[in-house]
PDB file of N, CA and C in Angstrom:
ATOM      1  N   MET A   1      15.218 -22.124  10.015  1.00  0.00           N
ATOM      2  CA  MET A   1      13.888 -22.659   9.910  1.00  0.00           C
ATOM      3  C   MET A   1      13.284 -22.110   8.637  1.00  0.00           C
ATOM      4  N   ASN A   2      12.662 -23.027   7.840  1.00  0.00           N
ATOM      5  CA  ASN A   2      12.048 -22.671   6.578  1.00  0.00           C
ATOM      6  C   ASN A   2      10.563 -22.460   6.756  1.00  0.00           C
ATOM      7  N   ARG A   3      10.147 -21.182   6.679  1.00  0.00           N
ATOM      8  CA  ARG A   3       8.736 -20.871   6.922  1.00  0.00           C
ATOM      9  C   ARG A   3       8.021 -20.689   5.601  1.00  0.00           C
ATOM     10  N   SER A   4       6.718 -21.036   5.592  1.00  0.00           N
ATOM     11  CA  SER A   4       5.923 -20.845   4.406  1.00  0.00           C
ATOM     12  C   SER A   4       5.419 -19.361   4.356  1.00  0.00           C
ATOM     13  N   PRO A   5       5.004 -18.889   3.209  1.00  0.00           N
ATOM     14  CA  PRO A   5       4.426 -17.499   3.129  1.00  0.00           C
ATOM     15  C   PRO A   5       3.273 -17.330   4.123  1.00  0.00           C
ATOM     16  N   PHE A   6       2.500 -18.361   4.289  1.00  0.00           N
ATOM     17  CA  PHE A   6       1.399 -18.285   5.267  1.00  0.00           C
ATOM     18  C   PHE A   6       1.848 -17.971   6.687  1.00  0.00           C
ATOM     19  N   GLN A   7       2.948 -18.670   7.092  1.00  0.00           N
ATOM     20  CA  GLN A   7       3.505 -18.473   8.406  1.00  0.00           C
ATOM     21  C   GLN A   7       4.057 -17.058   8.514  1.00  0.00           C
ATOM     22  N   TYR A   8       4.739 -16.580   7.512  1.00  0.00           N
ATOM     23  CA  TYR A   8       5.212 -15.219   7.470  1.00  0.00           C
ATOM     24  C   TYR A   8       4.075 -14.239   7.582  1.00  0.00           C
ATOM     25  N   ALA A   9       3.016 -14.538   6.882  1.00  0.00           N
ATOM     26  CA  ALA A   9       1.828 -13.633   6.904  1.00  0.00           C
ATOM     27  C   ALA A   9       1.271 -13.522   8.309  1.00  0.00           C
ATOM     28  N   LEU A  10       1.182 -14.613   9.048  1.00  0.00           N
ATOM     29  CA  LEU A  10       0.692 -14.602  10.433  1.00  0.00           C
ATOM     30  C   LEU A  10       1.618 -13.769  11.308  1.00  0.00           C
ATOM     31  N   ILE A  11       2.919 -13.942  11.116  1.00  0.00           N
ATOM     32  CA  ILE A  11       3.882 -13.167  11.901  1.00  0.00           C
ATOM     33  C   ILE A  11       3.747 -11.668  11.618  1.00  0.00           C
ATOM     34  N   VAL A  12       3.614 -11.331  10.342  1.00  0.00           N
ATOM     35  CA  VAL A  12       3.475  -9.913   9.970  1.00  0.00           C
ATOM     36  C   VAL A  12       2.141  -9.333  10.489  1.00  0.00           C
ATOM     37  N   LEU A  13       1.113 -10.131  10.470  1.00  0.00           N
ATOM     38  CA  LEU A  13      -0.208  -9.632  11.024  1.00  0.00           C
ATOM     39  C   LEU A  13      -0.135  -9.396  12.487  1.00  0.00           C
ATOM     40  N   LEU A  14       0.591 -10.214  13.197  1.00  0.00           N
ATOM     41  CA  LEU A  14       0.753  -9.958  14.620  1.00  0.00           C
ATOM     42  C   LEU A  14       1.517  -8.663  14.836  1.00  0.00           C
ATOM     43  N   ALA A  15       2.526  -8.451  14.010  1.00  0.00           N
ATOM     44  CA  ALA A  15       3.302  -7.245  14.138  1.00  0.00           C
ATOM     45  C   ALA A  15       2.480  -6.038  13.814  1.00  0.00           C
ATOM     46  N   MET A  16       1.643  -6.147  12.785  1.00  0.00           N
ATOM     47  CA  MET A  16       0.789  -5.009  12.361  1.00  0.00           C
ATOM     48  C   MET A  16      -0.209  -4.673  13.446  1.00  0.00           C
ATOM     49  N   ALA A  17      -0.801  -5.703  14.033  1.00  0.00           N
ATOM     50  CA  ALA A  17      -1.818  -5.462  15.080  1.00  0.00           C
ATOM     51  C   ALA A  17      -1.165  -4.817  16.318  1.00  0.00           C
ATOM     52  N   GLY A  18       0.065  -5.232  16.629  1.00  0.00           N
ATOM     53  CA  GLY A  18       0.684  -4.700  17.846  1.00  0.00           C
ATOM     54  C   GLY A  18       1.544  -3.485  17.614  1.00  0.00           C
ATOM     55  N   ALA A  19       1.629  -3.023  16.425  1.00  0.00           N
ATOM     56  CA  ALA A  19       2.434  -1.881  16.099  1.00  0.00           C
ATOM     57  C   ALA A  19       1.698  -0.541  16.333  1.00  0.00           C
ATOM     58  N   THR A  20       1.263  -0.314  17.536  1.00  0.00           N
ATOM     59  CA  THR A  20       0.602   0.886  17.867  1.00  0.00           C
ATOM     60  C   THR A  20       1.513   1.748  18.768  1.00  0.00           C
ATOM     61  N   PRO A  21       1.525   3.058  18.516  1.00  0.00           N
ATOM     62  CA  PRO A  21       2.447   3.875  19.306  1.00  0.00           C
ATOM     63  C   PRO A  21       1.987   3.986  20.764  1.00  0.00           C
ATOM     64  N   GLY A  22       2.924   4.378  21.597  1.00  0.00           N
ATOM     65  CA  GLY A  22       2.632   4.581  23.018  1.00  0.00           C
ATOM     66  C   GLY A  22       1.732   5.785  23.215  1.00  0.00           C
ATOM     67  N   PHE A  23       1.189   5.863  24.381  1.00  0.00           N
ATOM     68  CA  PHE A  23       0.284   6.974  24.707  1.00  0.00           C
ATOM     69  C   PHE A  23       1.003   8.322  24.537  1.00  0.00           C
ATOM     70  N   GLY A  24       0.342   9.219  23.842  1.00  0.00           N
ATOM     71  CA  GLY A  24       0.864  10.561  23.666  1.00  0.00           C
ATOM     72  C   GLY A  24       1.853  10.704  22.601  1.00  0.00           C
ATOM     73  N   GLN A  25       2.195   9.634  21.857  1.00  0.00           N
ATOM     74  CA  GLN A  25       3.162   9.746  20.724  1.00  0.00           C
ATOM     75  C   GLN A  25       2.455  10.140  19.486  1.00  0.00           C
ATOM     76  N   GLU A  26       3.111  10.925  18.690  1.00  0.00           N
ATOM     77  CA  GLU A  26       2.591  11.405  17.409  1.00  0.00           C
ATOM     78  C   GLU A  26       2.688  10.324  16.379  1.00  0.00           C
ATOM     79  N   ILE A  27       1.662  10.098  15.625  1.00  0.00           N
ATOM     80  CA  ILE A  27       1.672   9.090  14.532  1.00  0.00           C
ATOM     81  C   ILE A  27       1.801   9.833  13.207  1.00  0.00           C
ATOM     82  N   PRO A  28       2.861   9.470  12.392  1.00  0.00           N
ATOM     83  CA  PRO A  28       2.985  10.093  11.044  1.00  0.00           C
ATOM     84  C   PRO A  28       1.712   9.735  10.204  1.00  0.00           C
ATOM     85  N   ASP A  29       1.356  10.680   9.351  1.00  0.00           N
ATOM     86  CA  ASP A  29       0.136  10.483   8.511  1.00  0.00           C
ATOM     87  C   ASP A  29       0.201   9.221   7.668  1.00  0.00           C
ATOM     88  N   GLU A  30       1.390   8.883   7.128  1.00  0.00           N
ATOM     89  CA  GLU A  30       1.466   7.682   6.314  1.00  0.00           C
ATOM     90  C   GLU A  30       1.263   6.396   7.080  1.00  0.00           C
ATOM     91  N   GLU A  31       1.405   6.440   8.424  1.00  0.00           N
ATOM     92  CA  GLU A  31       1.162   5.246   9.234  1.00  0.00           C
ATOM     93  C   GLU A  31      -0.256   5.169   9.697  1.00  0.00           C
ATOM     94  N   LYS A  32      -1.046   6.228   9.508  1.00  0.00           N
ATOM     95  CA  LYS A  32      -2.465   6.237   9.845  1.00  0.00           C
ATOM     96  C   LYS A  32      -3.345   5.623   8.766  1.00  0.00           C
ATOM     97  N   ALA A  33      -2.806   5.609   7.535  1.00  0.00           N
ATOM     98  CA  ALA A  33      -3.604   5.195   6.370  1.00  0.00           C
ATOM     99  C   ALA A  33      -3.828   3.726   6.324  1.00  0.00           C
ATOM    100  N   TRP A  34      -4.975   3.319   5.853  1.00  0.00           N
ATOM    101  CA  TRP A  34      -5.364   1.939   5.636  1.00  0.00           C
ATOM    102  C   TRP A  34      -5.563   1.770   4.123  1.00  0.00           C
ATOM    103  N   PRO A  35      -5.243   0.646   3.588  1.00  0.00           N
ATOM    104  CA  PRO A  35      -4.733  -0.601   4.258  1.00  0.00           C
ATOM    105  C   PRO A  35      -3.209  -0.456   4.554  1.00  0.00           C
ATOM    106  N   ARG A  36      -2.813  -1.319   5.417  1.00  0.00           N
ATOM    107  CA  ARG A  36      -1.321  -1.398   5.798  1.00  0.00           C
ATOM    108  C   ARG A  36      -0.728  -2.520   5.003  1.00  0.00           C
ATOM    109  N   VAL A  37       0.407  -2.251   4.386  1.00  0.00           N
ATOM    110  CA  VAL A  37       1.092  -3.241   3.551  1.00  0.00           C
ATOM    111  C   VAL A  37       2.463  -3.509   4.101  1.00  0.00           C
ATOM    112  N   MET A  38       2.761  -4.773   4.338  1.00  0.00           N
ATOM    113  CA  MET A  38       4.088  -5.206   4.763  1.00  0.00           C
ATOM    114  C   MET A  38       4.643  -6.110   3.654  1.00  0.00           C
ATOM    115  N   LYS A  39       5.868  -5.814   3.183  1.00  0.00           N
ATOM    116  CA  LYS A  39       6.467  -6.594   2.103  1.00  0.00           C
ATOM    117  C   LYS A  39       7.647  -7.394   2.593  1.00  0.00           C
ATOM    118  N   GLY A  40       7.714  -8.627   2.166  1.00  0.00           N
ATOM    119  CA  GLY A  40       8.837  -9.551   2.417  1.00  0.00           C
ATOM    120  C   GLY A  40       9.630  -9.706   1.149  1.00  0.00           C
ATOM    121  N   GLU A  41      10.538 -10.604   1.147  1.00  0.00           N
ATOM    122  CA  GLU A  41      11.407 -10.862  -0.044  1.00  0.00           C
ATOM    123  C   GLU A  41      10.563 -11.321  -1.242  1.00  0.00           C
ATOM    124  N   SER A  42       9.544 -12.219  -0.994  1.00  0.00           N
ATOM    125  CA  SER A  42       8.827 -12.771  -2.097  1.00  0.00           C
ATOM    126  C   SER A  42       7.339 -12.726  -1.882  1.00  0.00           C
ATOM    127  N   PHE A  43       6.870 -11.914  -0.973  1.00  0.00           N
ATOM    128  CA  PHE A  43       5.414 -11.818  -0.707  1.00  0.00           C
ATOM    129  C   PHE A  43       5.067 -10.449  -0.133  1.00  0.00           C
ATOM    130  N   ALA A  44       3.774 -10.157  -0.143  1.00  0.00           N
ATOM    131  CA  ALA A  44       3.266  -8.964   0.493  1.00  0.00           C
ATOM    132  C   ALA A  44       1.995  -9.285   1.208  1.00  0.00           C
ATOM    133  N   VAL A  45       1.857  -8.760   2.440  1.00  0.00           N
ATOM    134  CA  VAL A  45       0.668  -8.935   3.229  1.00  0.00           C
ATOM    135  C   VAL A  45      -0.039  -7.615   3.384  1.00  0.00           C
ATOM    136  N   THR A  46      -1.321  -7.569   3.137  1.00  0.00           N
ATOM    137  CA  THR A  46      -2.108  -6.346   3.305  1.00  0.00           C
ATOM    138  C   THR A  46      -3.131  -6.590   4.304  1.00  0.00           C
ATOM    139  N   MET A  47      -3.255  -5.691   5.269  1.00  0.00           N
ATOM    140  CA  MET A  47      -4.292  -5.745   6.258  1.00  0.00           C
ATOM    141  C   MET A  47      -5.170  -4.481   6.093  1.00  0.00           C
ATOM    142  N   TYR A  48      -6.436  -4.738   5.964  1.00  0.00           N
ATOM    143  CA  TYR A  48      -7.422  -3.650   5.810  1.00  0.00           C
ATOM    144  C   TYR A  48      -7.914  -3.178   7.158  1.00  0.00           C
ATOM    145  N   GLU A  49      -8.479  -2.045   7.227  1.00  0.00           N
ATOM    146  CA  GLU A  49      -8.887  -1.419   8.508  1.00  0.00           C
ATOM    147  C   GLU A  49      -9.714  -2.357   9.341  1.00  0.00           C
ATOM    148  N   PRO A  50      -9.320  -2.671  10.594  1.00  0.00           N
ATOM    149  CA  PRO A  50     -10.145  -3.537  11.426  1.00  0.00           C
ATOM    150  C   PRO A  50     -11.492  -2.900  11.727  1.00  0.00           C
ATOM    151  N   GLN A  51     -12.530  -3.773  11.924  1.00  0.00           N
ATOM    152  CA  GLN A  51     -13.847  -3.352  12.303  1.00  0.00           C
ATOM    153  C   GLN A  51     -14.113  -3.867  13.674  1.00  0.00           C
ATOM    154  N   LEU A  52     -14.501  -2.985  14.567  1.00  0.00           N
ATOM    155  CA  LEU A  52     -14.756  -3.344  15.973  1.00  0.00           C
ATOM    156  C   LEU A  52     -16.117  -4.107  16.045  1.00  0.00           C
ATOM    157  N   ASP A  53     -16.125  -5.299  16.608  1.00  0.00           N
ATOM    158  CA  ASP A  53     -17.368  -6.071  16.834  1.00  0.00           C
ATOM    159  C   ASP A  53     -17.977  -5.831  18.217  1.00  0.00           C
ATOM    160  N   SER A  54     -17.144  -5.763  19.236  1.00  0.00           N
ATOM    161  CA  SER A  54     -17.647  -5.543  20.564  1.00  0.00           C
ATOM    162  C   SER A  54     -16.550  -4.966  21.437  1.00  0.00           C
ATOM    163  N   TRP A  55     -16.991  -4.224  22.435  1.00  0.00           N
ATOM    164  CA  TRP A  55     -16.105  -3.722  23.459  1.00  0.00           C
ATOM    165  C   TRP A  55     -16.837  -3.677  24.779  1.00  0.00           C
ATOM    166  N   LYS A  56     -16.380  -4.512  25.723  1.00  0.00           N
ATOM    167  CA  LYS A  56     -17.045  -4.580  27.022  1.00  0.00           C
ATOM    168  C   LYS A  56     -15.942  -4.417  28.064  1.00  0.00           C
ATOM    169  N   ASP A  57     -16.140  -3.469  28.935  1.00  0.00           N
ATOM    170  CA  ASP A  57     -15.096  -3.158  29.970  1.00  0.00           C
ATOM    171  C   ASP A  57     -13.766  -2.909  29.249  1.00  0.00           C
ATOM    172  N   ASP A  58     -12.769  -3.723  29.522  1.00  0.00           N
ATOM    173  CA  ASP A  58     -11.448  -3.499  28.882  1.00  0.00           C
ATOM    174  C   ASP A  58     -11.191  -4.475  27.736  1.00  0.00           C
ATOM    175  N   ASP A  59     -12.155  -5.351  27.405  1.00  0.00           N
ATOM    176  CA  ASP A  59     -11.948  -6.370  26.382  1.00  0.00           C
ATOM    177  C   ASP A  59     -12.650  -5.970  25.090  1.00  0.00           C
ATOM    178  N   PHE A  60     -11.988  -6.303  23.994  1.00  0.00           N
ATOM    179  CA  PHE A  60     -12.634  -5.993  22.702  1.00  0.00           C
ATOM    180  C   PHE A  60     -12.425  -7.153  21.705  1.00  0.00           C
ATOM    181  N   GLU A  61     -13.254  -7.210  20.726  1.00  0.00           N
ATOM    182  CA  GLU A  61     -13.192  -8.161  19.619  1.00  0.00           C
ATOM    183  C   GLU A  61     -13.377  -7.372  18.316  1.00  0.00           C
ATOM    184  N   ALA A  62     -12.538  -7.710  17.324  1.00  0.00           N
ATOM    185  CA  ALA A  62     -12.610  -7.064  16.014  1.00  0.00           C
ATOM    186  C   ALA A  62     -12.283  -8.071  14.916  1.00  0.00           C
ATOM    187  N   ARG A  63     -12.466  -7.682  13.673  1.00  0.00           N
ATOM    188  CA  ARG A  63     -12.097  -8.508  12.597  1.00  0.00           C
ATOM    189  C   ARG A  63     -11.545  -7.576  11.479  1.00  0.00           C
ATOM    190  N   ALA A  64     -10.794  -8.152  10.579  1.00  0.00           N
ATOM    191  CA  ALA A  64     -10.144  -7.407   9.509  1.00  0.00           C
ATOM    192  C   ALA A  64      -9.967  -8.313   8.341  1.00  0.00           C
ATOM    193  N   ALA A  65     -10.112  -7.708   7.137  1.00  0.00           N
ATOM    194  CA  ALA A  65      -9.809  -8.405   5.891  1.00  0.00           C
ATOM    195  C   ALA A  65      -8.304  -8.341   5.670  1.00  0.00           C
ATOM    196  N   VAL A  66      -7.786  -9.380   5.092  1.00  0.00           N
ATOM    197  CA  VAL A  66      -6.308  -9.414   4.793  1.00  0.00           C
ATOM    198  C   VAL A  66      -6.158 -10.058   3.425  1.00  0.00           C
ATOM    199  N   SER A  67      -5.024  -9.812   2.801  1.00  0.00           N
ATOM    200  CA  SER A  67      -4.601 -10.483   1.593  1.00  0.00           C
ATOM    201  C   SER A  67      -3.183 -10.814   1.637  1.00  0.00           C
ATOM    202  N   VAL A  68      -2.755 -11.936   1.050  1.00  0.00           N
ATOM    203  CA  VAL A  68      -1.384 -12.368   0.968  1.00  0.00           C
ATOM    204  C   VAL A  68      -1.089 -12.614  -0.536  1.00  0.00           C
ATOM    205  N   GLN A  69      -0.060 -11.987  -1.035  1.00  0.00           N
ATOM    206  CA  GLN A  69       0.322 -12.136  -2.456  1.00  0.00           C
ATOM    207  C   GLN A  69       1.760 -12.646  -2.482  1.00  0.00           C
ATOM    208  N   GLU A  70       1.894 -13.765  -3.113  1.00  0.00           N
ATOM    209  CA  GLU A  70       3.266 -14.359  -3.261  1.00  0.00           C
ATOM    210  C   GLU A  70       3.769 -14.188  -4.678  1.00  0.00           C
ATOM    211  N   GLY A  71       4.935 -13.572  -4.790  1.00  0.00           N
ATOM    212  CA  GLY A  71       5.552 -13.342  -6.107  1.00  0.00           C
ATOM    213  C   GLY A  71       4.645 -12.574  -7.032  1.00  0.00           C
ATOM    214  N   ASP A  72       4.549 -13.025  -8.268  1.00  0.00           N
ATOM    215  CA  ASP A  72       3.738 -12.376  -9.281  1.00  0.00           C
ATOM    216  C   ASP A  72       2.318 -12.913  -9.300  1.00  0.00           C
ATOM    217  N   GLY A  73       1.982 -13.831  -8.407  1.00  0.00           N
ATOM    218  CA  GLY A  73       0.642 -14.408  -8.372  1.00  0.00           C
ATOM    219  C   GLY A  73      -0.362 -13.435  -7.867  1.00  0.00           C
ATOM    220  N   GLY A  74      -1.621 -13.741  -8.032  1.00  0.00           N
ATOM    221  CA  GLY A  74      -2.669 -12.873  -7.526  1.00  0.00           C
ATOM    222  C   GLY A  74      -2.841 -12.972  -6.033  1.00  0.00           C
ATOM    223  N   PRO A  75      -3.478 -12.011  -5.394  1.00  0.00           N
ATOM    224  CA  PRO A  75      -3.640 -12.044  -3.972  1.00  0.00           C
ATOM    225  C   PRO A  75      -4.683 -13.104  -3.473  1.00  0.00           C
ATOM    226  N   VAL A  76      -4.418 -13.654  -2.340  1.00  0.00           N
ATOM    227  CA  VAL A  76      -5.365 -14.580  -1.721  1.00  0.00           C
ATOM    228  C   VAL A  76      -5.930 -13.777  -0.550  1.00  0.00           C
ATOM    229  N   PHE A  77      -7.281 -13.703  -0.511  1.00  0.00           N
ATOM    230  CA  PHE A  77      -7.985 -12.893   0.473  1.00  0.00           C
ATOM    231  C   PHE A  77      -8.526 -13.762   1.600  1.00  0.00           C
ATOM    232  N   GLY A  78      -8.551 -13.174   2.794  1.00  0.00           N
ATOM    233  CA  GLY A  78      -9.091 -13.908   3.942  1.00  0.00           C
ATOM    234  C   GLY A  78      -9.452 -12.906   5.031  1.00  0.00           C
ATOM    235  N   ALA A  79      -9.630 -13.406   6.203  1.00  0.00           N
ATOM    236  CA  ALA A  79     -10.013 -12.523   7.315  1.00  0.00           C
ATOM    237  C   ALA A  79      -9.323 -13.008   8.599  1.00  0.00           C
ATOM    238  N   VAL A  80      -9.076 -12.114   9.481  1.00  0.00           N
ATOM    239  CA  VAL A  80      -8.499 -12.437  10.803  1.00  0.00           C
ATOM    240  C   VAL A  80      -9.452 -11.910  11.890  1.00  0.00           C
ATOM    241  N   TRP A  81      -9.538 -12.621  12.944  1.00  0.00           N
ATOM    242  CA  TRP A  81     -10.283 -12.155  14.128  1.00  0.00           C
ATOM    243  C   TRP A  81      -9.312 -11.749  15.203  1.00  0.00           C
ATOM    244  N   ILE A  82      -9.547 -10.642  15.793  1.00  0.00           N
ATOM    245  CA  ILE A  82      -8.625 -10.070  16.783  1.00  0.00           C
ATOM    246  C   ILE A  82      -9.374  -9.924  18.116  1.00  0.00           C
ATOM    247  N   THR A  83      -8.756 -10.391  19.197  1.00  0.00           N
ATOM    248  CA  THR A  83      -9.274 -10.158  20.539  1.00  0.00           C
ATOM    249  C   THR A  83      -8.196  -9.418  21.313  1.00  0.00           C
ATOM    250  N   GLY A  84      -8.594  -8.671  22.259  1.00  0.00           N
ATOM    251  CA  GLY A  84      -7.579  -7.914  23.025  1.00  0.00           C
ATOM    252  C   GLY A  84      -8.135  -7.328  24.304  1.00  0.00           C
ATOM    253  N   ARG A  85      -7.213  -6.805  25.055  1.00  0.00           N
ATOM    254  CA  ARG A  85      -7.544  -6.158  26.315  1.00  0.00           C
ATOM    255  C   ARG A  85      -6.724  -4.867  26.425  1.00  0.00           C
ATOM    256  N   ILE A  86      -7.361  -3.800  26.795  1.00  0.00           N
ATOM    257  CA  ILE A  86      -6.671  -2.528  26.950  1.00  0.00           C
ATOM    258  C   ILE A  86      -6.631  -2.222  28.464  1.00  0.00           C
ATOM    259  N   ASP A  87      -5.421  -1.983  28.967  1.00  0.00           N
ATOM    260  CA  ASP A  87      -5.247  -1.633  30.374  1.00  0.00           C
ATOM    261  C   ASP A  87      -4.737  -0.191  30.488  1.00  0.00           C
ATOM    262  N   VAL A  88      -5.349   0.563  31.344  1.00  0.00           N
ATOM    263  CA  VAL A  88      -4.924   1.895  31.601  1.00  0.00           C
ATOM    264  C   VAL A  88      -4.210   1.962  32.922  1.00  0.00           C
ATOM    265  N   GLU A  89      -2.957   2.447  32.911  1.00  0.00           N
ATOM    266  CA  GLU A  89      -2.237   2.549  34.130  1.00  0.00           C
ATOM    267  C   GLU A  89      -2.205   4.015  34.532  1.00  0.00           C
ATOM    268  N   ASP A  90      -3.062   4.353  35.529  1.00  0.00           N
ATOM    269  CA  ASP A  90      -3.188   5.730  35.956  1.00  0.00           C
ATOM    270  C   ASP A  90      -1.918   6.314  36.558  1.00  0.00           C
ATOM    271  N   VAL A  91      -1.202   5.474  37.355  1.00  0.00           N
ATOM    272  CA  VAL A  91      -0.022   6.030  37.997  1.00  0.00           C
ATOM    273  C   VAL A  91       1.049   6.400  36.998  1.00  0.00           C
ATOM    274  N   LEU A  92       1.258   5.531  35.985  1.00  0.00           N
ATOM    275  CA  LEU A  92       2.250   5.810  34.961  1.00  0.00           C
ATOM    276  C   LEU A  92       1.744   6.630  33.817  1.00  0.00           C
ATOM    277  N   ASP A  93       0.412   6.884  33.776  1.00  0.00           N
ATOM    278  CA  ASP A  93      -0.227   7.640  32.718  1.00  0.00           C
ATOM    279  C   ASP A  93       0.056   6.986  31.342  1.00  0.00           C
ATOM    280  N   GLN A  94      -0.129   5.655  31.287  1.00  0.00           N
ATOM    281  CA  GLN A  94       0.115   4.941  30.038  1.00  0.00           C
ATOM    282  C   GLN A  94      -1.044   4.011  29.729  1.00  0.00           C
ATOM    283  N   VAL A  95      -1.156   3.615  28.485  1.00  0.00           N
ATOM    284  CA  VAL A  95      -2.114   2.637  28.073  1.00  0.00           C
ATOM    285  C   VAL A  95      -1.416   1.425  27.470  1.00  0.00           C
ATOM    286  N   PHE A  96      -1.799   0.294  27.911  1.00  0.00           N
ATOM    287  CA  PHE A  96      -1.117  -0.996  27.405  1.00  0.00           C
ATOM    288  C   PHE A  96      -2.209  -1.794  26.687  1.00  0.00           C
ATOM    289  N   GLY A  97      -1.767  -2.422  25.635  1.00  0.00           N
ATOM    290  CA  GLY A  97      -2.711  -3.297  24.882  1.00  0.00           C
ATOM    291  C   GLY A  97      -2.140  -4.674  24.729  1.00  0.00           C
ATOM    292  N   ARG A  98      -2.976  -5.694  24.805  1.00  0.00           N
ATOM    293  CA  ARG A  98      -2.611  -7.029  24.529  1.00  0.00           C
ATOM    294  C   ARG A  98      -3.534  -7.572  23.441  1.00  0.00           C
ATOM    295  N   PHE A  99      -2.978  -8.183  22.401  1.00  0.00           N
ATOM    296  CA  PHE A  99      -3.762  -8.639  21.235  1.00  0.00           C
ATOM    297  C   PHE A  99      -3.518 -10.122  20.958  1.00  0.00           C
ATOM    298  N   CYS A 100      -4.529 -10.700  20.410  1.00  0.00           N
ATOM    299  CA  CYS A 100      -4.429 -12.099  19.920  1.00  0.00           C
ATOM    300  C   CYS A 100      -5.123 -12.149  18.559  1.00  0.00           C
ATOM    301  N   ILE A 101      -4.443 -12.678  17.550  1.00  0.00           N
ATOM    302  CA  ILE A 101      -5.062 -12.819  16.279  1.00  0.00           C
ATOM    303  C   ILE A 101      -5.324 -14.318  16.017  1.00  0.00           C
ATOM    304  N   GLY A 102      -6.558 -14.669  15.741  1.00  0.00           N
ATOM    305  CA  GLY A 102      -6.991 -16.060  15.528  1.00  0.00           C
ATOM    306  C   GLY A 102      -8.428 -16.202  15.721  1.00  0.00           C
ATOM    307  N   LYS A 103      -8.911 -17.374  15.647  1.00  0.00           N
ATOM    308  CA  LYS A 103     -10.311 -17.646  15.885  1.00  0.00           C
ATOM    309  C   LYS A 103     -10.487 -18.922  16.686  1.00  0.00           C
TER     310      LYS A 103
END
């Protein structure tokens, strides 16, 4: 399948949003830093620190600035909207998150 850089960017953004460690796991300092950059063969996607818009009960909404740069061209800037739900499993002592990027 031949994907466009935009499609790759969306896939990478989903991976970035969902790439959170499990409860109680140590996060290396370099993974805590923003912005987060993911590089492909011919493009780079940068996601800047998300900003929380609302949190009610277990549901939240946030937004983040992003940029996509293809080859030697300049970056194209945009934004993503993120919705999600956080579930706490008391018996297993774990936290689970579900995320959706889009508007």
